[in-house]
Amino acid sequence: MKSKLLPILFLALLFILLSYLALPLTRQLKLIALIVMALGIIAIILAIRTQNKFGKDFLRDIGIACIVAVLVTVIYESSTRSIERRETMLSGIDVAMAEFLPQRDWEEMKQEVLHRHRIRRNIDIEFKISRKARLSSGKYITAPPGQIILWMKYGYDLYAVAPGAAYEPVRHEVAYEMYNPELEIPRFEKVTVIRDHGRKEDPWEGERLKRIFDGKSIVLGPDIVQLPDPQSKQPVRIVSERYELMGAPGSYNLVIPELTLRTESTTEPTIKVDVTELPPDLDVRLDTYYAEHKFTPTGGSDNSWTYSNLVLPGQGFTLIVQSKPRASIGAPAVNQ
């Protein structure tokens, strides 16, 4: 029986040793670990072979102590060194930014950007612009002169990056200052919370949607959006559909309140925007008013753009609607 334990013991110790050597530790510390591990192995082998009870117990305890010492060192060093690296990095950033910003401003920026509990990825937005529409209630509406009806479908993946994300509600707003009581817009038509990679859908519409829509915004509390643990790196997808009222010519500003970036391992853009319906007498374009944020036409279809860089909380884009030059209109404009 004792002889059978030796190969198992040897393999276990070899695994521990290789794991330890793989850590980014100093050469001196690795050498000490090798010596202590060797002493532990020798002590245990001698304990198995000796016949003296006192000597057996003494050597066994010495061997176990040596091995445990190496294990504790592996756990301690792997955790403390990663924490130390993070603290050193943050300290370096603080020192560097102090050269450009006052301390108070930098602390506020960290609070707004670095201390976020959630991030968004894979934003997909579809716009339909018309002068007539049919609401989900069955009501037909027509935009007043000089205005248009904007339908928007807005979907994104929401990830937790800190435990505090579980307690923060998700809020979306319409441009409530444009509210027209006769048309009953702006309004949300539907909000869907999608979990488990599309296997579970929780739609909020009709009377159920009214429970979370106050005429200005919808609020999805922690009881509705349960974000998976940050370690799982799994999202909840949220898709909203709404009607907005805007001027034509005019503009619609969309502000993104969360830090937004694309996944490292994908070539998919951060944001995709498509205008799939548009009256023939109107043109659209996107603008961010920031030279570094440029939406690129996809080339696959008209009025389709992508953006692949980082979006900070509070940034976004503007959808600009303008009249076409009359000479470029192929047919008289009609209400749609």
C-alpha atoms as a PDB file:
ATOM      1  CA  MET A   1       0.000   0.000   0.000  1.00  0.00           C
ATOM      2  CA  LYS A   2       2.824   2.364   0.934  1.00  0.00           C
ATOM      3  CA  SER A   3       4.565   1.738  -2.350  1.00  0.00           C
ATOM      4  CA  LYS A   4       1.396   2.688  -4.232  1.00  0.00           C
ATOM      5  CA  LEU A   5       1.287   6.041  -2.480  1.00  0.00           C
ATOM      6  CA  LEU A   6       4.676   7.086  -3.799  1.00  0.00           C
ATOM      7  CA  PRO A   7       3.669   7.559  -7.491  1.00  0.00           C
ATOM      8  CA  ILE A   8       0.528   9.448  -6.448  1.00  0.00           C
ATOM      9  CA  LEU A   9       2.524  11.613  -4.089  1.00  0.00           C
ATOM     10  CA  PHE A  10       5.164  12.254  -6.717  1.00  0.00           C
ATOM     11  CA  LEU A  11       2.577  13.324  -9.348  1.00  0.00           C
ATOM     12  CA  ALA A  12       0.778  15.598  -6.896  1.00  0.00           C
ATOM     13  CA  LEU A  13       3.982  17.288  -5.882  1.00  0.00           C
ATOM     14  CA  LEU A  14       5.096  17.602  -9.486  1.00  0.00           C
ATOM     15  CA  PHE A  15       1.830  19.360 -10.346  1.00  0.00           C
ATOM     16  CA  ILE A  16       2.233  21.772  -7.437  1.00  0.00           C
ATOM     17  CA  LEU A  17       5.815  22.471  -8.415  1.00  0.00           C
ATOM     18  CA  LEU A  18       5.025  23.149 -12.062  1.00  0.00           C
ATOM     19  CA  SER A  19       2.151  25.447 -11.075  1.00  0.00           C
ATOM     20  CA  TYR A  20       4.473  27.337  -8.774  1.00  0.00           C
ATOM     21  CA  LEU A  21       7.221  27.689 -11.362  1.00  0.00           C
ATOM     22  CA  ALA A  22       4.688  29.068 -13.841  1.00  0.00           C
ATOM     23  CA  LEU A  23       3.993  32.051 -11.581  1.00  0.00           C
ATOM     24  CA  PRO A  24       5.825  35.317 -12.371  1.00  0.00           C
ATOM     25  CA  LEU A  25       8.031  35.124  -9.262  1.00  0.00           C
ATOM     26  CA  THR A  26      11.679  35.953  -8.688  1.00  0.00           C
ATOM     27  CA  ARG A  27      14.379  33.359  -9.439  1.00  0.00           C
ATOM     28  CA  GLN A  28      15.490  33.365  -5.811  1.00  0.00           C
ATOM     29  CA  LEU A  29      11.994  32.569  -4.543  1.00  0.00           C
ATOM     30  CA  LYS A  30      11.600  29.739  -7.045  1.00  0.00           C
ATOM     31  CA  LEU A  31      14.947  28.248  -5.971  1.00  0.00           C
ATOM     32  CA  ILE A  32      13.912  28.321  -2.312  1.00  0.00           C
ATOM     33  CA  ALA A  33      10.644  26.608  -3.250  1.00  0.00           C
ATOM     34  CA  LEU A  34      12.523  23.850  -5.068  1.00  0.00           C
ATOM     35  CA  ILE A  35      14.775  23.216  -2.052  1.00  0.00           C
ATOM     36  CA  VAL A  36      11.883  23.178   0.430  1.00  0.00           C
ATOM     37  CA  MET A  37       9.811  20.922  -1.835  1.00  0.00           C
ATOM     38  CA  ALA A  38      12.754  18.518  -2.216  1.00  0.00           C
ATOM     39  CA  LEU A  39      13.251  18.401   1.547  1.00  0.00           C
ATOM     40  CA  GLY A  40       9.567  17.657   2.020  1.00  0.00           C
ATOM     41  CA  ILE A  41       9.609  14.822  -0.497  1.00  0.00           C
ATOM     42  CA  ILE A  42      12.762  13.291   1.061  1.00  0.00           C
ATOM     43  CA  ALA A  43      11.271  13.523   4.560  1.00  0.00           C
ATOM     44  CA  ILE A  44       8.032  11.780   3.516  1.00  0.00           C
ATOM     45  CA  ILE A  45       9.919   9.016   1.668  1.00  0.00           C
ATOM     46  CA  LEU A  46      12.117   8.414   4.738  1.00  0.00           C
ATOM     47  CA  ALA A  47       9.011   8.388   6.954  1.00  0.00           C
ATOM     48  CA  ILE A  48       7.472   5.656   4.813  1.00  0.00           C
ATOM     49  CA  ARG A  49      10.617   3.503   4.983  1.00  0.00           C
ATOM     50  CA  THR A  50      11.607   3.924   8.641  1.00  0.00           C
ATOM     51  CA  GLN A  51      10.403   1.463  11.268  1.00  0.00           C
ATOM     52  CA  ASN A  52      10.858   3.692  14.312  1.00  0.00           C
ATOM     53  CA  LYS A  53       7.503   5.177  15.339  1.00  0.00           C
ATOM     54  CA  PHE A  54       8.917   8.449  16.673  1.00  0.00           C
ATOM     55  CA  GLY A  55      11.146   8.883  13.637  1.00  0.00           C
ATOM     56  CA  LYS A  56       8.266   8.034  11.270  1.00  0.00           C
ATOM     57  CA  ASP A  57       5.954  10.655  12.827  1.00  0.00           C
ATOM     58  CA  PHE A  58       8.683  13.277  13.024  1.00  0.00           C
ATOM     59  CA  LEU A  59       9.785  12.879   9.405  1.00  0.00           C
ATOM     60  CA  ARG A  60       6.203  12.765   8.149  1.00  0.00           C
ATOM     61  CA  ASP A  61       5.331  16.000   9.975  1.00  0.00           C
ATOM     62  CA  ILE A  62       8.462  17.698   8.655  1.00  0.00           C
ATOM     63  CA  GLY A  63       7.632  16.618   5.086  1.00  0.00           C
ATOM     64  CA  ILE A  64       4.012  17.760   5.305  1.00  0.00           C
ATOM     65  CA  ALA A  65       5.103  21.086   6.808  1.00  0.00           C
ATOM     66  CA  CYS A  66       7.488  21.724   3.913  1.00  0.00           C
ATOM     67  CA  ILE A  67       4.837  20.949   1.296  1.00  0.00           C
ATOM     68  CA  VAL A  68       2.192  23.050   3.065  1.00  0.00           C
ATOM     69  CA  ALA A  69       4.667  25.923   3.267  1.00  0.00           C
ATOM     70  CA  VAL A  70       5.106  25.857  -0.507  1.00  0.00           C
ATOM     71  CA  LEU A  71       1.324  25.662  -1.058  1.00  0.00           C
ATOM     72  CA  VAL A  72       0.678  28.631   1.223  1.00  0.00           C
ATOM     73  CA  THR A  73       3.386  30.598  -0.542  1.00  0.00           C
ATOM     74  CA  VAL A  74       1.857  29.843  -3.953  1.00  0.00           C
ATOM     75  CA  ILE A  75      -1.597  31.022  -2.845  1.00  0.00           C
ATOM     76  CA  TYR A  76      -0.288  34.070  -1.019  1.00  0.00           C
ATOM     77  CA  GLU A  77       2.105  35.211  -3.720  1.00  0.00           C
ATOM     78  CA  SER A  78      -0.368  34.708  -6.583  1.00  0.00           C
ATOM     79  CA  SER A  79      -3.013  36.814  -4.822  1.00  0.00           C
ATOM     80  CA  THR A  80      -0.887  39.539  -3.273  1.00  0.00           C
ATOM     81  CA  ARG A  81       1.188  40.121  -6.380  1.00  0.00           C
ATOM     82  CA  SER A  82      -1.904  40.615  -8.559  1.00  0.00           C
ATOM     83  CA  ILE A  83      -3.314  43.050  -6.006  1.00  0.00           C
ATOM     84  CA  GLU A  84       0.042  44.828  -5.818  1.00  0.00           C
ATOM     85  CA  ARG A  85       0.239  45.123  -9.614  1.00  0.00           C
ATOM     86  CA  ARG A  86      -3.271  46.593  -9.745  1.00  0.00           C
ATOM     87  CA  GLU A  87      -2.512  49.095  -6.976  1.00  0.00           C
ATOM     88  CA  THR A  88       0.752  50.063  -8.649  1.00  0.00           C
ATOM     89  CA  MET A  89      -1.015  50.570 -11.972  1.00  0.00           C
ATOM     90  CA  LEU A  90      -3.762  52.710 -10.408  1.00  0.00           C
ATOM     91  CA  SER A  91      -1.199  54.707  -8.485  1.00  0.00           C
ATOM     92  CA  GLY A  92       0.740  55.329 -11.692  1.00  0.00           C
ATOM     93  CA  ILE A  93      -2.399  56.485 -13.476  1.00  0.00           C
ATOM     94  CA  ASP A  94      -3.213  58.834 -10.588  1.00  0.00           C
ATOM     95  CA  VAL A  95       0.258  60.374 -10.731  1.00  0.00           C
ATOM     96  CA  ALA A  96       0.121  60.781 -14.513  1.00  0.00           C
ATOM     97  CA  MET A  97      -3.345  62.321 -14.553  1.00  0.00           C
ATOM     98  CA  ALA A  98      -2.411  64.734 -11.758  1.00  0.00           C
ATOM     99  CA  GLU A  99      -0.168  66.424 -14.309  1.00  0.00           C
ATOM    100  CA  PHE A 100      -3.167  67.264 -16.506  1.00  0.00           C
ATOM    101  CA  LEU A 101      -6.164  67.597 -14.188  1.00  0.00           C
ATOM    102  CA  PRO A 102      -6.778  68.983 -10.699  1.00  0.00           C
ATOM    103  CA  GLN A 103      -7.192  66.222  -8.105  1.00  0.00           C
ATOM    104  CA  ARG A 104     -10.876  66.969  -7.574  1.00  0.00           C
ATOM    105  CA  ASP A 105     -11.661  66.760 -11.293  1.00  0.00           C
ATOM    106  CA  TRP A 106      -9.730  63.508 -11.670  1.00  0.00           C
ATOM    107  CA  GLU A 107     -11.559  61.946  -8.706  1.00  0.00           C
ATOM    108  CA  GLU A 108     -14.874  62.918 -10.272  1.00  0.00           C
ATOM    109  CA  MET A 109     -13.814  61.420 -13.605  1.00  0.00           C
ATOM    110  CA  LYS A 110     -12.831  58.149 -11.920  1.00  0.00           C
ATOM    111  CA  GLN A 111     -16.205  58.016 -10.213  1.00  0.00           C
ATOM    112  CA  GLU A 112     -18.063  58.578 -13.484  1.00  0.00           C
ATOM    113  CA  VAL A 113     -15.970  56.284 -15.695  1.00  0.00           C
ATOM    114  CA  LEU A 114     -13.744  53.839 -13.823  1.00  0.00           C
ATOM    115  CA  HIS A 115     -16.076  52.964 -10.962  1.00  0.00           C
ATOM    116  CA  ARG A 116     -18.954  51.829 -13.151  1.00  0.00           C
ATOM    117  CA  HIS A 117     -20.768  48.642 -12.176  1.00  0.00           C
ATOM    118  CA  ARG A 118     -22.045  47.825 -15.688  1.00  0.00           C
ATOM    119  CA  ILE A 119     -21.018  48.068 -19.321  1.00  0.00           C
ATOM    120  CA  ARG A 120     -22.885  47.756 -22.606  1.00  0.00           C
ATOM    121  CA  ARG A 121     -21.823  45.872 -25.704  1.00  0.00           C
ATOM    122  CA  ASN A 122     -23.269  45.080 -29.129  1.00  0.00           C
ATOM    123  CA  ILE A 123     -25.629  48.042 -29.450  1.00  0.00           C
ATOM    124  CA  ASP A 124     -27.978  47.580 -32.412  1.00  0.00           C
ATOM    125  CA  ILE A 125     -30.344  50.427 -33.325  1.00  0.00           C
ATOM    126  CA  GLU A 126     -32.981  50.518 -36.062  1.00  0.00           C
ATOM    127  CA  PHE A 127     -34.856  53.706 -37.034  1.00  0.00           C
ATOM    128  CA  LYS A 128     -38.008  54.035 -39.133  1.00  0.00           C
ATOM    129  CA  ILE A 129     -39.006  57.566 -40.092  1.00  0.00           C
ATOM    130  CA  SER A 130     -42.509  58.263 -41.384  1.00  0.00           C
ATOM    131  CA  ARG A 131     -45.382  60.715 -41.253  1.00  0.00           C
ATOM    132  CA  LYS A 132     -47.994  58.082 -40.416  1.00  0.00           C
ATOM    133  CA  ALA A 133     -47.878  55.150 -38.029  1.00  0.00           C
ATOM    134  CA  ARG A 134     -50.042  52.566 -36.305  1.00  0.00           C
ATOM    135  CA  LEU A 135     -49.511  52.177 -32.559  1.00  0.00           C
ATOM    136  CA  SER A 136     -49.629  48.830 -30.792  1.00  0.00           C
ATOM    137  CA  SER A 137     -53.033  49.857 -29.416  1.00  0.00           C
ATOM    138  CA  GLY A 138     -54.367  49.879 -32.985  1.00  0.00           C
ATOM    139  CA  LYS A 139     -54.588  53.667 -33.189  1.00  0.00           C
ATOM    140  CA  TYR A 140     -53.480  55.351 -36.450  1.00  0.00           C
ATOM    141  CA  ILE A 141     -51.624  58.634 -36.091  1.00  0.00           C
ATOM    142  CA  THR A 142     -50.418  61.313 -38.515  1.00  0.00           C
ATOM    143  CA  ALA A 143     -47.579  63.733 -37.729  1.00  0.00           C
ATOM    144  CA  PRO A 144     -48.460  67.442 -37.660  1.00  0.00           C
ATOM    145  CA  PRO A 145     -46.972  69.668 -40.408  1.00  0.00           C
ATOM    146  CA  GLY A 146     -43.252  70.177 -39.937  1.00  0.00           C
ATOM    147  CA  GLN A 147     -42.884  67.058 -37.808  1.00  0.00           C
ATOM    148  CA  ILE A 148     -42.205  63.347 -38.353  1.00  0.00           C
ATOM    149  CA  ILE A 149     -42.710  60.153 -36.400  1.00  0.00           C
ATOM    150  CA  LEU A 150     -39.570  58.278 -35.387  1.00  0.00           C
ATOM    151  CA  TRP A 151     -39.825  54.582 -34.483  1.00  0.00           C
ATOM    152  CA  MET A 152     -36.754  53.136 -32.809  1.00  0.00           C
ATOM    153  CA  LYS A 153     -35.738  49.613 -31.843  1.00  0.00           C
ATOM    154  CA  TYR A 154     -32.782  49.755 -29.475  1.00  0.00           C
ATOM    155  CA  GLY A 155     -31.025  46.582 -28.306  1.00  0.00           C
ATOM    156  CA  TYR A 156     -27.822  45.987 -26.351  1.00  0.00           C
ATOM    157  CA  ASP A 157     -26.050  43.465 -24.118  1.00  0.00           C
ATOM    158  CA  LEU A 158     -25.708  44.566 -20.494  1.00  0.00           C
ATOM    159  CA  TYR A 159     -22.846  43.084 -18.440  1.00  0.00           C
ATOM    160  CA  ALA A 160     -22.109  43.339 -14.734  1.00  0.00           C
ATOM    161  CA  VAL A 161     -18.501  44.273 -13.969  1.00  0.00           C
ATOM    162  CA  ALA A 162     -18.918  44.750 -10.214  1.00  0.00           C
ATOM    163  CA  PRO A 163     -21.230  43.260  -7.563  1.00  0.00           C
ATOM    164  CA  GLY A 164     -23.062  46.583  -7.181  1.00  0.00           C
ATOM    165  CA  ALA A 165     -24.633  46.137 -10.629  1.00  0.00           C
ATOM    166  CA  ALA A 166     -27.202  43.748  -9.159  1.00  0.00           C
ATOM    167  CA  TYR A 167     -28.844  46.593  -7.226  1.00  0.00           C
ATOM    168  CA  GLU A 168     -28.952  49.304  -9.889  1.00  0.00           C
ATOM    169  CA  PRO A 169     -32.133  49.754 -11.964  1.00  0.00           C
ATOM    170  CA  VAL A 170     -32.004  50.103 -15.752  1.00  0.00           C
ATOM    171  CA  ARG A 171     -33.641  53.315 -16.951  1.00  0.00           C
ATOM    172  CA  HIS A 172     -34.591  54.493 -20.447  1.00  0.00           C
ATOM    173  CA  GLU A 173     -36.233  57.816 -21.316  1.00  0.00           C
ATOM    174  CA  VAL A 174     -38.187  59.215 -24.241  1.00  0.00           C
ATOM    175  CA  ALA A 175     -38.069  62.861 -25.340  1.00  0.00           C
ATOM    176  CA  TYR A 176     -41.068  63.613 -23.110  1.00  0.00           C
ATOM    177  CA  GLU A 177     -40.885  67.384 -23.751  1.00  0.00           C
ATOM    178  CA  MET A 178     -42.191  66.629 -27.275  1.00  0.00           C
ATOM    179  CA  TYR A 179     -45.299  64.846 -25.957  1.00  0.00           C
ATOM    180  CA  ASN A 180     -48.425  65.264 -28.107  1.00  0.00           C
ATOM    181  CA  PRO A 181     -51.561  64.179 -26.188  1.00  0.00           C
ATOM    182  CA  GLU A 182     -53.571  63.691 -29.381  1.00  0.00           C
ATOM    183  CA  LEU A 183     -50.980  61.366 -30.923  1.00  0.00           C
ATOM    184  CA  GLU A 184     -50.045  59.804 -27.554  1.00  0.00           C
ATOM    185  CA  ILE A 185     -46.348  59.894 -28.370  1.00  0.00           C
ATOM    186  CA  PRO A 186     -43.504  59.819 -27.425  1.00  0.00           C
ATOM    187  CA  ARG A 187     -44.124  56.451 -25.807  1.00  0.00           C
ATOM    188  CA  PHE A 188     -42.579  53.039 -25.285  1.00  0.00           C
ATOM    189  CA  GLU A 189     -44.318  50.224 -27.112  1.00  0.00           C
ATOM    190  CA  LYS A 190     -42.419  47.229 -25.814  1.00  0.00           C
ATOM    191  CA  VAL A 191     -39.394  46.259 -23.731  1.00  0.00           C
ATOM    192  CA  THR A 192     -37.943  42.739 -23.789  1.00  0.00           C
ATOM    193  CA  VAL A 193     -35.430  41.321 -21.319  1.00  0.00           C
ATOM    194  CA  ILE A 194     -33.563  38.379 -22.895  1.00  0.00           C
ATOM    195  CA  ARG A 195     -31.546  35.918 -20.822  1.00  0.00           C
ATOM    196  CA  ASP A 196     -29.530  32.732 -21.355  1.00  0.00           C
ATOM    197  CA  HIS A 197     -28.430  33.604 -24.920  1.00  0.00           C
ATOM    198  CA  GLY A 198     -31.993  34.105 -26.148  1.00  0.00           C
ATOM    199  CA  ARG A 199     -33.513  31.046 -24.505  1.00  0.00           C
ATOM    200  CA  LYS A 200     -35.583  33.094 -22.026  1.00  0.00           C
ATOM    201  CA  GLU A 201     -37.522  36.184 -23.075  1.00  0.00           C
ATOM    202  CA  ASP A 202     -39.500  38.414 -20.735  1.00  0.00           C
ATOM    203  CA  PRO A 203     -41.593  40.889 -22.801  1.00  0.00           C
ATOM    204  CA  TRP A 204     -43.201  43.967 -21.227  1.00  0.00           C
ATOM    205  CA  GLU A 205     -45.993  45.472 -23.346  1.00  0.00           C
ATOM    206  CA  GLY A 206     -49.587  46.619 -23.119  1.00  0.00           C
ATOM    207  CA  GLU A 207     -50.948  46.909 -19.596  1.00  0.00           C
ATOM    208  CA  ARG A 208     -47.856  45.225 -18.177  1.00  0.00           C
ATOM    209  CA  LEU A 209     -45.609  47.906 -19.675  1.00  0.00           C
ATOM    210  CA  LYS A 210     -47.687  50.680 -18.079  1.00  0.00           C
ATOM    211  CA  ARG A 211     -46.581  49.410 -14.663  1.00  0.00           C
ATOM    212  CA  ILE A 212     -43.001  50.522 -15.337  1.00  0.00           C
ATOM    213  CA  PHE A 213     -43.619  53.528 -17.657  1.00  0.00           C
ATOM    214  CA  ASP A 214     -44.445  56.875 -16.051  1.00  0.00           C
ATOM    215  CA  GLY A 215     -44.824  58.833 -19.288  1.00  0.00           C
ATOM    216  CA  LYS A 216     -41.199  59.896 -19.218  1.00  0.00           C
ATOM    217  CA  SER A 217     -39.128  56.772 -18.614  1.00  0.00           C
ATOM    218  CA  ILE A 218     -39.238  53.061 -17.980  1.00  0.00           C
ATOM    219  CA  VAL A 219     -37.468  51.621 -14.957  1.00  0.00           C
ATOM    220  CA  LEU A 220     -36.367  47.979 -14.946  1.00  0.00           C
ATOM    221  CA  GLY A 221     -35.558  47.196 -11.328  1.00  0.00           C
ATOM    222  CA  PRO A 222     -33.374  44.377  -9.981  1.00  0.00           C
ATOM    223  CA  ASP A 223     -36.479  42.162  -9.830  1.00  0.00           C
ATOM    224  CA  ILE A 224     -36.794  42.443 -13.637  1.00  0.00           C
ATOM    225  CA  VAL A 225     -33.141  42.560 -14.763  1.00  0.00           C
ATOM    226  CA  GLN A 226     -31.040  40.037 -12.854  1.00  0.00           C
ATOM    227  CA  LEU A 227     -27.517  40.416 -14.190  1.00  0.00           C
ATOM    228  CA  PRO A 228     -25.315  37.294 -13.993  1.00  0.00           C
ATOM    229  CA  ASP A 229     -22.263  37.381 -11.743  1.00  0.00           C
ATOM    230  CA  PRO A 230     -19.368  39.410 -13.245  1.00  0.00           C
ATOM    231  CA  GLN A 231     -17.148  36.307 -13.233  1.00  0.00           C
ATOM    232  CA  SER A 232     -19.517  34.504 -15.613  1.00  0.00           C
ATOM    233  CA  LYS A 233     -19.090  37.209 -18.291  1.00  0.00           C
ATOM    234  CA  GLN A 234     -22.662  36.545 -19.412  1.00  0.00           C
ATOM    235  CA  PRO A 235     -25.002  39.403 -20.413  1.00  0.00           C
ATOM    236  CA  VAL A 236     -28.671  40.178 -20.273  1.00  0.00           C
ATOM    237  CA  ARG A 237     -29.927  41.622 -23.562  1.00  0.00           C
ATOM    238  CA  ILE A 238     -32.426  44.455 -23.383  1.00  0.00           C
ATOM    239  CA  VAL A 239     -34.455  45.467 -26.443  1.00  0.00           C
ATOM    240  CA  SER A 240     -36.835  48.436 -26.387  1.00  0.00           C
ATOM    241  CA  GLU A 241     -39.246  49.732 -29.036  1.00  0.00           C
ATOM    242  CA  ARG A 242     -40.574  53.271 -28.911  1.00  0.00           C
ATOM    243  CA  TYR A 243     -42.142  56.109 -30.881  1.00  0.00           C
ATOM    244  CA  GLU A 244     -40.692  59.611 -30.767  1.00  0.00           C
ATOM    245  CA  LEU A 245     -41.889  62.889 -32.280  1.00  0.00           C
ATOM    246  CA  MET A 246     -39.352  65.212 -33.888  1.00  0.00           C
ATOM    247  CA  GLY A 247     -39.116  68.155 -36.254  1.00  0.00           C
ATOM    248  CA  ALA A 248     -38.308  67.810 -39.936  1.00  0.00           C
ATOM    249  CA  PRO A 249     -35.812  69.265 -40.592  1.00  0.00           C
ATOM    250  CA  GLY A 250     -34.628  68.443 -37.103  1.00  0.00           C
ATOM    251  CA  SER A 251     -32.429  66.259 -34.956  1.00  0.00           C
ATOM    252  CA  TYR A 252     -32.723  63.503 -32.379  1.00  0.00           C
ATOM    253  CA  ASN A 253     -30.060  63.139 -29.692  1.00  0.00           C
ATOM    254  CA  LEU A 254     -29.359  59.730 -28.222  1.00  0.00           C
ATOM    255  CA  VAL A 255     -27.215  59.709 -25.086  1.00  0.00           C
ATOM    256  CA  ILE A 256     -25.690  56.452 -23.805  1.00  0.00           C
ATOM    257  CA  PRO A 257     -25.445  56.525 -19.990  1.00  0.00           C
ATOM    258  CA  GLU A 258     -23.177  53.497 -19.573  1.00  0.00           C
ATOM    259  CA  LEU A 259     -19.597  52.758 -20.568  1.00  0.00           C
ATOM    260  CA  THR A 260     -19.852  51.006 -23.945  1.00  0.00           C
ATOM    261  CA  LEU A 261     -17.203  48.987 -25.769  1.00  0.00           C
ATOM    262  CA  ARG A 262     -16.979  45.920 -27.927  1.00  0.00           C
ATOM    263  CA  THR A 263     -15.715  42.509 -26.878  1.00  0.00           C
ATOM    264  CA  GLU A 264     -11.965  41.997 -27.302  1.00  0.00           C
ATOM    265  CA  SER A 265     -12.308  38.751 -29.236  1.00  0.00           C
ATOM    266  CA  THR A 266     -14.813  39.989 -31.817  1.00  0.00           C
ATOM    267  CA  THR A 267     -14.689  42.050 -34.987  1.00  0.00           C
ATOM    268  CA  GLU A 268     -18.293  43.166 -34.507  1.00  0.00           C
ATOM    269  CA  PRO A 269     -18.701  46.945 -34.081  1.00  0.00           C
ATOM    270  CA  THR A 270     -19.589  48.645 -30.818  1.00  0.00           C
ATOM    271  CA  ILE A 271     -22.704  50.247 -32.332  1.00  0.00           C
ATOM    272  CA  LYS A 272     -24.705  49.523 -35.476  1.00  0.00           C
ATOM    273  CA  VAL A 273     -27.301  52.013 -36.737  1.00  0.00           C
ATOM    274  CA  ASP A 274     -29.757  51.420 -39.592  1.00  0.00           C
ATOM    275  CA  VAL A 275     -32.467  53.707 -40.959  1.00  0.00           C
ATOM    276  CA  THR A 276     -34.746  51.224 -42.713  1.00  0.00           C
ATOM    277  CA  GLU A 277     -37.658  53.528 -43.642  1.00  0.00           C
ATOM    278  CA  LEU A 278     -37.466  57.140 -44.797  1.00  0.00           C
ATOM    279  CA  PRO A 279     -39.806  59.452 -46.761  1.00  0.00           C
ATOM    280  CA  PRO A 280     -38.376  60.153 -50.240  1.00  0.00           C
ATOM    281  CA  ASP A 281     -38.125  63.909 -49.623  1.00  0.00           C
ATOM    282  CA  LEU A 282     -35.840  63.543 -46.586  1.00  0.00           C
ATOM    283  CA  ASP A 283     -32.195  62.690 -45.985  1.00  0.00           C
ATOM    284  CA  VAL A 284     -30.508  61.496 -42.789  1.00  0.00           C
ATOM    285  CA  ARG A 285     -27.000  61.521 -41.410  1.00  0.00           C
ATOM    286  CA  LEU A 286     -25.270  60.861 -38.098  1.00  0.00           C
ATOM    287  CA  ASP A 287     -23.045  63.258 -36.201  1.00  0.00           C
ATOM    288  CA  THR A 288     -21.254  63.093 -32.844  1.00  0.00           C
ATOM    289  CA  TYR A 289     -19.751  66.620 -32.870  1.00  0.00           C
ATOM    290  CA  TYR A 290     -16.533  64.989 -31.762  1.00  0.00           C
ATOM    291  CA  ALA A 291     -13.805  64.404 -34.341  1.00  0.00           C
ATOM    292  CA  GLU A 292     -12.589  61.158 -32.744  1.00  0.00           C
ATOM    293  CA  HIS A 293     -16.042  59.560 -32.869  1.00  0.00           C
ATOM    294  CA  LYS A 294     -16.862  58.790 -36.472  1.00  0.00           C
ATOM    295  CA  PHE A 295     -19.638  56.520 -37.665  1.00  0.00           C
ATOM    296  CA  THR A 296     -18.603  54.736 -40.845  1.00  0.00           C
ATOM    297  CA  PRO A 297     -21.114  53.940 -43.633  1.00  0.00           C
ATOM    298  CA  THR A 298     -21.287  50.186 -44.066  1.00  0.00           C
ATOM    299  CA  GLY A 299     -21.425  50.346 -47.844  1.00  0.00           C
ATOM    300  CA  GLY A 300     -23.895  47.485 -47.874  1.00  0.00           C
ATOM    301  CA  SER A 301     -27.007  49.668 -47.819  1.00  0.00           C
ATOM    302  CA  ASP A 302     -27.987  53.312 -47.670  1.00  0.00           C
ATOM    303  CA  ASN A 303     -28.345  54.961 -44.267  1.00  0.00           C
ATOM    304  CA  SER A 304     -26.442  52.292 -42.381  1.00  0.00           C
ATOM    305  CA  TRP A 305     -23.445  53.018 -40.138  1.00  0.00           C
ATOM    306  CA  THR A 306     -21.125  51.327 -37.654  1.00  0.00           C
ATOM    307  CA  TYR A 307     -18.909  52.568 -34.847  1.00  0.00           C
ATOM    308  CA  SER A 308     -16.170  50.429 -33.279  1.00  0.00           C
ATOM    309  CA  ASN A 309     -14.500  52.507 -30.573  1.00  0.00           C
ATOM    310  CA  LEU A 310     -15.169  53.258 -26.930  1.00  0.00           C
ATOM    311  CA  VAL A 311     -18.180  55.304 -25.791  1.00  0.00           C
ATOM    312  CA  LEU A 312     -17.919  57.016 -22.409  1.00  0.00           C
ATOM    313  CA  PRO A 313     -20.977  57.562 -20.185  1.00  0.00           C
ATOM    314  CA  GLY A 314     -22.898  60.595 -21.432  1.00  0.00           C
ATOM    315  CA  GLN A 315     -21.627  60.384 -25.006  1.00  0.00           C
ATOM    316  CA  GLY A 316     -23.723  59.265 -27.956  1.00  0.00           C
ATOM    317  CA  PHE A 317     -24.753  60.557 -31.364  1.00  0.00           C
ATOM    318  CA  THR A 318     -27.296  62.747 -33.140  1.00  0.00           C
ATOM    319  CA  LEU A 319     -29.591  61.597 -35.936  1.00  0.00           C
ATOM    320  CA  ILE A 320     -30.040  64.583 -38.250  1.00  0.00           C
ATOM    321  CA  VAL A 321     -33.033  64.719 -40.605  1.00  0.00           C
ATOM    322  CA  GLN A 322     -32.947  67.255 -43.413  1.00  0.00           C
ATOM    323  CA  SER A 323     -34.873  67.995 -46.592  1.00  0.00           C
ATOM    324  CA  LYS A 324     -33.532  66.749 -49.885  1.00  0.00           C
ATOM    325  CA  PRO A 325     -32.777  69.320 -52.562  1.00  0.00           C
ATOM    326  CA  ARG A 326     -35.918  69.419 -54.726  1.00  0.00           C
ATOM    327  CA  ALA A 327     -33.941  68.588 -57.885  1.00  0.00           C
ATOM    328  CA  SER A 328     -32.854  65.260 -56.361  1.00  0.00           C
ATOM    329  CA  ILE A 329     -36.351  64.105 -55.523  1.00  0.00           C
ATOM    330  CA  GLY A 330     -37.528  61.642 -58.145  1.00  0.00           C
ATOM    331  CA  ALA A 331     -41.207  61.961 -57.352  1.00  0.00           C
ATOM    332  CA  PRO A 332     -43.448  64.277 -55.353  1.00  0.00           C
ATOM    333  CA  ALA A 333     -43.227  63.683 -51.610  1.00  0.00           C
ATOM    334  CA  VAL A 334     -46.154  61.790 -50.110  1.00  0.00           C
ATOM    335  CA  ASN A 335     -47.146  60.977 -46.605  1.00  0.00           C
ATOM    336  CA  GLN A 336     -46.144  57.465 -45.579  1.00  0.00           C
END
